Amino acid sequence: MDHRLEDVIALFDGLFQPTFGTRLVRGGDEPLYLPADEANPWHRVIFARGFFASALHEVSHWCIAGARRRRLEDYGYWYLPDGRDADQQRQFEAVEVAPQALERLFAEACGLPFNVSVDNLGDVRVDREGFRARVEARAERYLREGLPARAAAFRRALAAFYRDGEPLAAAVAAGRELLEPQAPAESRRPEAVD
């Protein structure tokens, strides 16, 4: 099956534009999350360079971010590019375990391979296998204990579309079944989502 960006965008937007006022947007060199503002009524999960894996990764961050963080640009997190020192790399990996675990589950739902990203080309020695093990353990914990509601809905929609061959509308409907209990608690108007 083709993994077209238009499809993953349609799945995300079909689930979360009406319920959380949030859209998935193809971006440039760097991913970014932007909350709604006067110029744009939608919250935007912007993924890098049109990469499918980047879309899944950025969605995983959004699925973890709580209502307060979704009001902040890039959820209020710090990010240091390549060249982090050992302590900064440990901090980076600590905050990346959960999103990369979700990304792994999303990739699996799409029938795609997953590779962890340590995201540091500097001089610091990185324990890629140790990080992979932590990500895998967190993914298994999600499977045992349950995914956050938005992540579960997105994963279900991905699996319905990519694994089960459902049309986009049916896949979105399958994901929405998991959102219905929480939809009334979240406003359907984008300006008041968070």
C-alpha atoms as a PDB file:
ATOM      1  CA  MET A   1       0.000   0.000   0.000  1.00  0.00           C
ATOM      2  CA  ASP A   2       1.111   3.529  -0.722  1.00  0.00           C
ATOM      3  CA  HIS A   3       1.774   5.719   2.281  1.00  0.00           C
ATOM      4  CA  ARG A   4       0.672   9.061   0.923  1.00  0.00           C
ATOM      5  CA  LEU A   5       0.928  12.146   3.077  1.00  0.00           C
ATOM      6  CA  GLU A   6      -2.508  13.256   1.908  1.00  0.00           C
ATOM      7  CA  ASP A   7      -4.014  10.160   3.516  1.00  0.00           C
ATOM      8  CA  VAL A   8      -2.357  10.510   6.919  1.00  0.00           C
ATOM      9  CA  ILE A   9      -3.272  14.217   6.916  1.00  0.00           C
ATOM     10  CA  ALA A  10      -6.880  13.351   6.051  1.00  0.00           C
ATOM     11  CA  LEU A  11      -7.023  10.782   8.861  1.00  0.00           C
ATOM     12  CA  PHE A  12      -5.606  13.196  11.431  1.00  0.00           C
ATOM     13  CA  ASP A  13      -7.727  16.145  10.300  1.00  0.00           C
ATOM     14  CA  GLY A  14     -10.851  13.986  10.120  1.00  0.00           C
ATOM     15  CA  LEU A  15     -10.345  12.943  13.720  1.00  0.00           C
ATOM     16  CA  PHE A  16      -9.008  16.065  15.351  1.00  0.00           C
ATOM     17  CA  GLN A  17     -10.038  19.139  13.386  1.00  0.00           C
ATOM     18  CA  PRO A  18     -13.699  18.900  14.451  1.00  0.00           C
ATOM     19  CA  THR A  19     -12.988  17.640  17.977  1.00  0.00           C
ATOM     20  CA  PHE A  20      -9.796  19.469  18.991  1.00  0.00           C
ATOM     21  CA  GLY A  21      -9.538  22.231  16.384  1.00  0.00           C
ATOM     22  CA  THR A  22      -6.189  20.825  15.252  1.00  0.00           C
ATOM     23  CA  ARG A  23      -4.776  20.122  11.797  1.00  0.00           C
ATOM     24  CA  LEU A  24      -1.729  18.240  10.529  1.00  0.00           C
ATOM     25  CA  VAL A  25       0.359  20.418   8.195  1.00  0.00           C
ATOM     26  CA  ARG A  26       3.271  19.640   5.888  1.00  0.00           C
ATOM     27  CA  GLY A  27       6.126  22.004   6.770  1.00  0.00           C
ATOM     28  CA  GLY A  28       9.681  22.927   5.892  1.00  0.00           C
ATOM     29  CA  ASP A  29      12.983  21.931   7.450  1.00  0.00           C
ATOM     30  CA  GLU A  30      11.906  21.836  11.091  1.00  0.00           C
ATOM     31  CA  PRO A  31       8.776  20.472  12.763  1.00  0.00           C
ATOM     32  CA  LEU A  32       6.755  22.850  14.909  1.00  0.00           C
ATOM     33  CA  TYR A  33       3.529  22.994  16.874  1.00  0.00           C
ATOM     34  CA  LEU A  34       1.606  26.259  16.734  1.00  0.00           C
ATOM     35  CA  PRO A  35      -1.519  26.920  18.754  1.00  0.00           C
ATOM     36  CA  ALA A  36      -4.410  28.788  17.155  1.00  0.00           C
ATOM     37  CA  ASP A  37      -4.127  32.563  17.083  1.00  0.00           C
ATOM     38  CA  GLU A  38      -5.781  35.601  15.536  1.00  0.00           C
ATOM     39  CA  ALA A  39      -4.357  34.777  12.099  1.00  0.00           C
ATOM     40  CA  ASN A  40      -5.192  31.063  12.116  1.00  0.00           C
ATOM     41  CA  PRO A  41      -8.219  29.497  13.836  1.00  0.00           C
ATOM     42  CA  TRP A  42      -6.628  26.014  13.927  1.00  0.00           C
ATOM     43  CA  HIS A  43      -3.907  24.547  16.103  1.00  0.00           C
ATOM     44  CA  ARG A  44      -1.233  23.168  13.758  1.00  0.00           C
ATOM     45  CA  VAL A  45       0.984  20.110  14.096  1.00  0.00           C
ATOM     46  CA  ILE A  46       3.618  20.896  11.465  1.00  0.00           C
ATOM     47  CA  PHE A  47       5.833  18.022  10.347  1.00  0.00           C
ATOM     48  CA  ALA A  48       9.170  18.339   8.564  1.00  0.00           C
ATOM     49  CA  ARG A  49       9.875  18.191   4.843  1.00  0.00           C
ATOM     50  CA  GLY A  50       6.959  16.046   3.876  1.00  0.00           C
ATOM     51  CA  PHE A  51       8.353  12.953   5.604  1.00  0.00           C
ATOM     52  CA  PHE A  52       5.764  10.367   6.621  1.00  0.00           C
ATOM     53  CA  ALA A  53       7.798   9.365   9.697  1.00  0.00           C
ATOM     54  CA  SER A  54       8.008  13.013  10.755  1.00  0.00           C
ATOM     55  CA  ALA A  55       4.220  13.280  10.549  1.00  0.00           C
ATOM     56  CA  LEU A  56       3.801  10.244  12.805  1.00  0.00           C
ATOM     57  CA  HIS A  57       6.427  11.550  15.229  1.00  0.00           C
ATOM     58  CA  GLU A  58       4.916  15.023  15.526  1.00  0.00           C
ATOM     59  CA  VAL A  59       1.440  13.551  16.005  1.00  0.00           C
ATOM     60  CA  SER A  60       2.843  11.417  18.829  1.00  0.00           C
ATOM     61  CA  HIS A  61       4.035  14.567  20.645  1.00  0.00           C
ATOM     62  CA  TRP A  62       0.599  16.141  20.196  1.00  0.00           C
ATOM     63  CA  CYS A  63      -1.126  13.015  21.527  1.00  0.00           C
ATOM     64  CA  ILE A  64       0.858  13.265  24.760  1.00  0.00           C
ATOM     65  CA  ALA A  65       0.617  17.027  25.307  1.00  0.00           C
ATOM     66  CA  GLY A  66      -2.029  18.070  27.792  1.00  0.00           C
ATOM     67  CA  ALA A  67      -4.449  20.968  27.332  1.00  0.00           C
ATOM     68  CA  ARG A  68      -2.106  23.501  28.976  1.00  0.00           C
ATOM     69  CA  ARG A  69       0.873  22.518  26.811  1.00  0.00           C
ATOM     70  CA  ARG A  70      -1.271  22.636  23.666  1.00  0.00           C
ATOM     71  CA  ARG A  71      -1.702  26.362  24.278  1.00  0.00           C
ATOM     72  CA  LEU A  72       2.083  26.900  23.958  1.00  0.00           C
ATOM     73  CA  GLU A  73       4.268  27.012  20.870  1.00  0.00           C
ATOM     74  CA  ASP A  74       6.066  23.672  20.593  1.00  0.00           C
ATOM     75  CA  TYR A  75       4.203  22.707  23.798  1.00  0.00           C
ATOM     76  CA  GLY A  76       6.653  24.869  25.765  1.00  0.00           C
ATOM     77  CA  TYR A  77       9.458  22.310  25.406  1.00  0.00           C
ATOM     78  CA  TRP A  78      13.098  23.150  24.832  1.00  0.00           C
ATOM     79  CA  TYR A  79      14.914  21.657  21.920  1.00  0.00           C
ATOM     80  CA  LEU A  80      18.618  21.734  21.273  1.00  0.00           C
ATOM     81  CA  PRO A  81      19.806  20.687  17.824  1.00  0.00           C
ATOM     82  CA  ASP A  82      22.673  18.336  17.019  1.00  0.00           C
ATOM     83  CA  GLY A  83      25.738  18.801  19.170  1.00  0.00           C
ATOM     84  CA  ARG A  84      24.143  18.242  22.582  1.00  0.00           C
ATOM     85  CA  ASP A  85      26.461  17.344  25.427  1.00  0.00           C
ATOM     86  CA  ALA A  86      25.980  14.110  27.404  1.00  0.00           C
ATOM     87  CA  ASP A  87      23.628  15.659  29.990  1.00  0.00           C
ATOM     88  CA  GLN A  88      21.547  17.386  27.330  1.00  0.00           C
ATOM     89  CA  GLN A  89      21.354  14.118  25.390  1.00  0.00           C
ATOM     90  CA  ARG A  90      20.082  12.283  28.495  1.00  0.00           C
ATOM     91  CA  GLN A  91      17.402  14.956  28.942  1.00  0.00           C
ATOM     92  CA  PHE A  92      16.445  14.710  25.275  1.00  0.00           C
ATOM     93  CA  GLU A  93      16.124  10.935  25.454  1.00  0.00           C
ATOM     94  CA  ALA A  94      14.090  11.108  28.672  1.00  0.00           C
ATOM     95  CA  VAL A  95      11.420  13.271  27.005  1.00  0.00           C
ATOM     96  CA  GLU A  96      11.551  11.310  23.728  1.00  0.00           C
ATOM     97  CA  VAL A  97      10.851   7.815  25.076  1.00  0.00           C
ATOM     98  CA  ALA A  98       7.055   8.176  25.262  1.00  0.00           C
ATOM     99  CA  PRO A  99       6.543   9.959  21.920  1.00  0.00           C
ATOM    100  CA  GLN A 100       8.826   7.559  20.101  1.00  0.00           C
ATOM    101  CA  ALA A 101       6.980   4.639  21.678  1.00  0.00           C
ATOM    102  CA  LEU A 102       3.731   6.026  20.261  1.00  0.00           C
ATOM    103  CA  GLU A 103       5.428   6.662  16.929  1.00  0.00           C
ATOM    104  CA  ARG A 104       6.472   3.005  16.883  1.00  0.00           C
ATOM    105  CA  LEU A 105       2.864   1.929  17.463  1.00  0.00           C
ATOM    106  CA  PHE A 106       1.630   4.314  14.764  1.00  0.00           C
ATOM    107  CA  ALA A 107       4.221   3.023  12.273  1.00  0.00           C
ATOM    108  CA  GLU A 108       3.213  -0.550  13.091  1.00  0.00           C
ATOM    109  CA  ALA A 109      -0.456   0.324  12.482  1.00  0.00           C
ATOM    110  CA  CYS A 110       0.583   1.602   9.041  1.00  0.00           C
ATOM    111  CA  GLY A 111       2.668  -1.477   8.271  1.00  0.00           C
ATOM    112  CA  LEU A 112       5.880   0.550   8.264  1.00  0.00           C
ATOM    113  CA  PRO A 113       9.222  -0.123   9.929  1.00  0.00           C
ATOM    114  CA  PHE A 114      10.197   2.081  12.857  1.00  0.00           C
ATOM    115  CA  ASN A 115      13.652   3.349  13.747  1.00  0.00           C
ATOM    116  CA  VAL A 116      14.414   5.212  16.953  1.00  0.00           C
ATOM    117  CA  SER A 117      15.955   8.625  16.579  1.00  0.00           C
ATOM    118  CA  VAL A 118      18.649   9.760  18.978  1.00  0.00           C
ATOM    119  CA  ASP A 119      18.817  12.939  16.932  1.00  0.00           C
ATOM    120  CA  ASN A 120      22.377  13.916  17.807  1.00  0.00           C
ATOM    121  CA  LEU A 121      25.264  13.893  15.351  1.00  0.00           C
ATOM    122  CA  GLY A 122      27.663  15.558  17.796  1.00  0.00           C
ATOM    123  CA  ASP A 123      30.705  14.078  19.503  1.00  0.00           C
ATOM    124  CA  VAL A 124      28.767  12.561  22.417  1.00  0.00           C
ATOM    125  CA  ARG A 125      28.655   8.776  22.533  1.00  0.00           C
ATOM    126  CA  VAL A 126      24.999   7.751  22.262  1.00  0.00           C
ATOM    127  CA  ASP A 127      23.669   4.405  23.482  1.00  0.00           C
ATOM    128  CA  ARG A 128      21.277   3.839  20.606  1.00  0.00           C
ATOM    129  CA  GLU A 129      20.463   0.253  21.648  1.00  0.00           C
ATOM    130  CA  GLY A 130      19.760   1.284  25.225  1.00  0.00           C
ATOM    131  CA  PHE A 131      17.442   4.017  24.007  1.00  0.00           C
ATOM    132  CA  ARG A 132      15.738   1.593  21.613  1.00  0.00           C
ATOM    133  CA  ALA A 133      15.144  -0.795  24.521  1.00  0.00           C
ATOM    134  CA  ARG A 134      13.533   1.990  26.592  1.00  0.00           C
ATOM    135  CA  VAL A 135      11.301   2.980  23.662  1.00  0.00           C
ATOM    136  CA  GLU A 136      10.274  -0.647  23.073  1.00  0.00           C
ATOM    137  CA  ALA A 137       9.537  -1.142  26.773  1.00  0.00           C
ATOM    138  CA  ARG A 138       7.365   1.994  26.818  1.00  0.00           C
ATOM    139  CA  ALA A 139       5.494   0.839  23.702  1.00  0.00           C
ATOM    140  CA  GLU A 140       4.800  -2.502  25.364  1.00  0.00           C
ATOM    141  CA  ARG A 141       3.598  -0.698  28.481  1.00  0.00           C
ATOM    142  CA  TYR A 142       1.205   1.367  26.337  1.00  0.00           C
ATOM    143  CA  LEU A 143      -0.136  -1.861  24.843  1.00  0.00           C
ATOM    144  CA  ARG A 144      -0.665  -3.370  28.320  1.00  0.00           C
ATOM    145  CA  GLU A 145      -2.036  -0.295  30.090  1.00  0.00           C
ATOM    146  CA  GLY A 146      -3.671   1.566  27.222  1.00  0.00           C
ATOM    147  CA  LEU A 147      -2.726   4.511  25.054  1.00  0.00           C
ATOM    148  CA  PRO A 148      -3.779   8.102  25.700  1.00  0.00           C
ATOM    149  CA  ALA A 149      -7.232   8.603  24.140  1.00  0.00           C
ATOM    150  CA  ARG A 150      -6.091  10.714  21.175  1.00  0.00           C
ATOM    151  CA  ALA A 151      -3.245   8.283  20.439  1.00  0.00           C
ATOM    152  CA  ALA A 152      -5.604   5.299  20.639  1.00  0.00           C
ATOM    153  CA  ALA A 153      -8.029   6.985  18.239  1.00  0.00           C
ATOM    154  CA  PHE A 154      -5.286   7.845  15.757  1.00  0.00           C
ATOM    155  CA  ARG A 155      -3.777   4.362  15.945  1.00  0.00           C
ATOM    156  CA  ARG A 156      -7.176   2.795  15.360  1.00  0.00           C
ATOM    157  CA  ALA A 157      -7.799   5.029  12.320  1.00  0.00           C
ATOM    158  CA  LEU A 158      -4.351   4.216  10.908  1.00  0.00           C
ATOM    159  CA  ALA A 159      -4.885   0.469  11.360  1.00  0.00           C
ATOM    160  CA  ALA A 160      -8.369   0.601   9.839  1.00  0.00           C
ATOM    161  CA  PHE A 161      -7.048   2.411   6.774  1.00  0.00           C
ATOM    162  CA  TYR A 162      -3.651   0.770   6.246  1.00  0.00           C
ATOM    163  CA  ARG A 163      -4.105  -2.729   7.658  1.00  0.00           C
ATOM    164  CA  ASP A 164      -7.809  -3.344   7.191  1.00  0.00           C
ATOM    165  CA  GLY A 165      -8.199  -1.462   3.900  1.00  0.00           C
ATOM    166  CA  GLU A 166     -11.124   0.662   5.068  1.00  0.00           C
ATOM    167  CA  PRO A 167     -11.859   3.859   3.112  1.00  0.00           C
ATOM    168  CA  LEU A 168     -10.763   7.125   4.734  1.00  0.00           C
ATOM    169  CA  ALA A 169     -14.240   8.011   6.033  1.00  0.00           C
ATOM    170  CA  ALA A 170     -14.690   4.595   7.659  1.00  0.00           C
ATOM    171  CA  ALA A 171     -11.205   4.719   9.194  1.00  0.00           C
ATOM    172  CA  VAL A 172     -11.908   8.165  10.657  1.00  0.00           C
ATOM    173  CA  ALA A 173     -15.233   6.889  12.021  1.00  0.00           C
ATOM    174  CA  ALA A 174     -13.439   3.943  13.659  1.00  0.00           C
ATOM    175  CA  GLY A 175     -11.029   6.318  15.391  1.00  0.00           C
ATOM    176  CA  ARG A 176     -13.802   8.684  16.430  1.00  0.00           C
ATOM    177  CA  GLU A 177     -15.486   5.876  18.352  1.00  0.00           C
ATOM    178  CA  LEU A 178     -12.664   6.195  20.874  1.00  0.00           C
ATOM    179  CA  LEU A 179     -13.010   9.984  21.088  1.00  0.00           C
ATOM    180  CA  GLU A 180     -16.746  10.240  21.671  1.00  0.00           C
ATOM    181  CA  PRO A 181     -16.629   9.896  25.474  1.00  0.00           C
ATOM    182  CA  GLN A 182     -14.236  12.835  25.780  1.00  0.00           C
ATOM    183  CA  ALA A 183     -15.483  15.017  22.907  1.00  0.00           C
ATOM    184  CA  PRO A 184     -18.046  16.936  25.022  1.00  0.00           C
ATOM    185  CA  ALA A 185     -15.321  17.895  27.516  1.00  0.00           C
ATOM    186  CA  GLU A 186     -13.376  19.492  24.682  1.00  0.00           C
ATOM    187  CA  SER A 187     -15.052  22.349  22.853  1.00  0.00           C
ATOM    188  CA  ARG A 188     -15.685  21.853  19.164  1.00  0.00           C
ATOM    189  CA  ARG A 189     -14.804  25.492  18.537  1.00  0.00           C
ATOM    190  CA  PRO A 190     -11.078  25.815  17.722  1.00  0.00           C
ATOM    191  CA  GLU A 191     -10.681  29.083  19.628  1.00  0.00           C
ATOM    192  CA  ALA A 192     -11.671  27.428  22.900  1.00  0.00           C
ATOM    193  CA  VAL A 193     -10.120  23.969  22.591  1.00  0.00           C
ATOM    194  CA  ASP A 194      -7.525  24.485  25.262  1.00  0.00           C
END
